């Protein structure tokens, strides 16, 4: 990753190989018309199970988990050759924390009506401006195959695209390296597996 214009293709590729990114994409039956399949775009990209791990600093258990997660990232990055693993881990956790601030709560996620937002492909840029959705859909292999997508969390998507625009390329690069490493650690050497 050397330019943010590469993000849509990179995120599509990572989804294809099972690596987490700030938003996820999937195909499933349309909840309002079971005769059709739809493409769904929604929040994703956290290394910890839920946004609360990042946002409940007053909860000692959550704060301890976040601190251990940051240490873990630092150790993994160091094993992968990052001489500044601990410092890079801080940047990654800060970025994930910003993502967490934008994400919907567990209660909000349980509302199927609120999470069903049918958006015409041509209007996806109005929901989440400043991002090349057409490039993403082409790279994901669905351009020209669907006329609409379901946006599960429109407010998240809008905030996420603004966050991607505001985040330095080096931080995004580190974040995606971490996600790739995290997803494939079990297939690497013994030191990675043990960590």
Foldseek 3Di string as FASTA:
>chain_A
DQDLLCVLLVCLVCQVVVFKDQKHWDWDADPVHNVDIFIEIEGIQAPDDALCLLVVCVDPVSVVVLVVQLVLQLVLVVVVPDPPSSVLSVLLSVLNNLLSVQDDHPVLLVDPVLQFDKAFPVCPCVLANDHDVQSNCVSNPCVVVDGIHGYRRSSSNNSVNVSSVVDDPVSVVSSRVSRVCVVCQCVDDPVSVVD
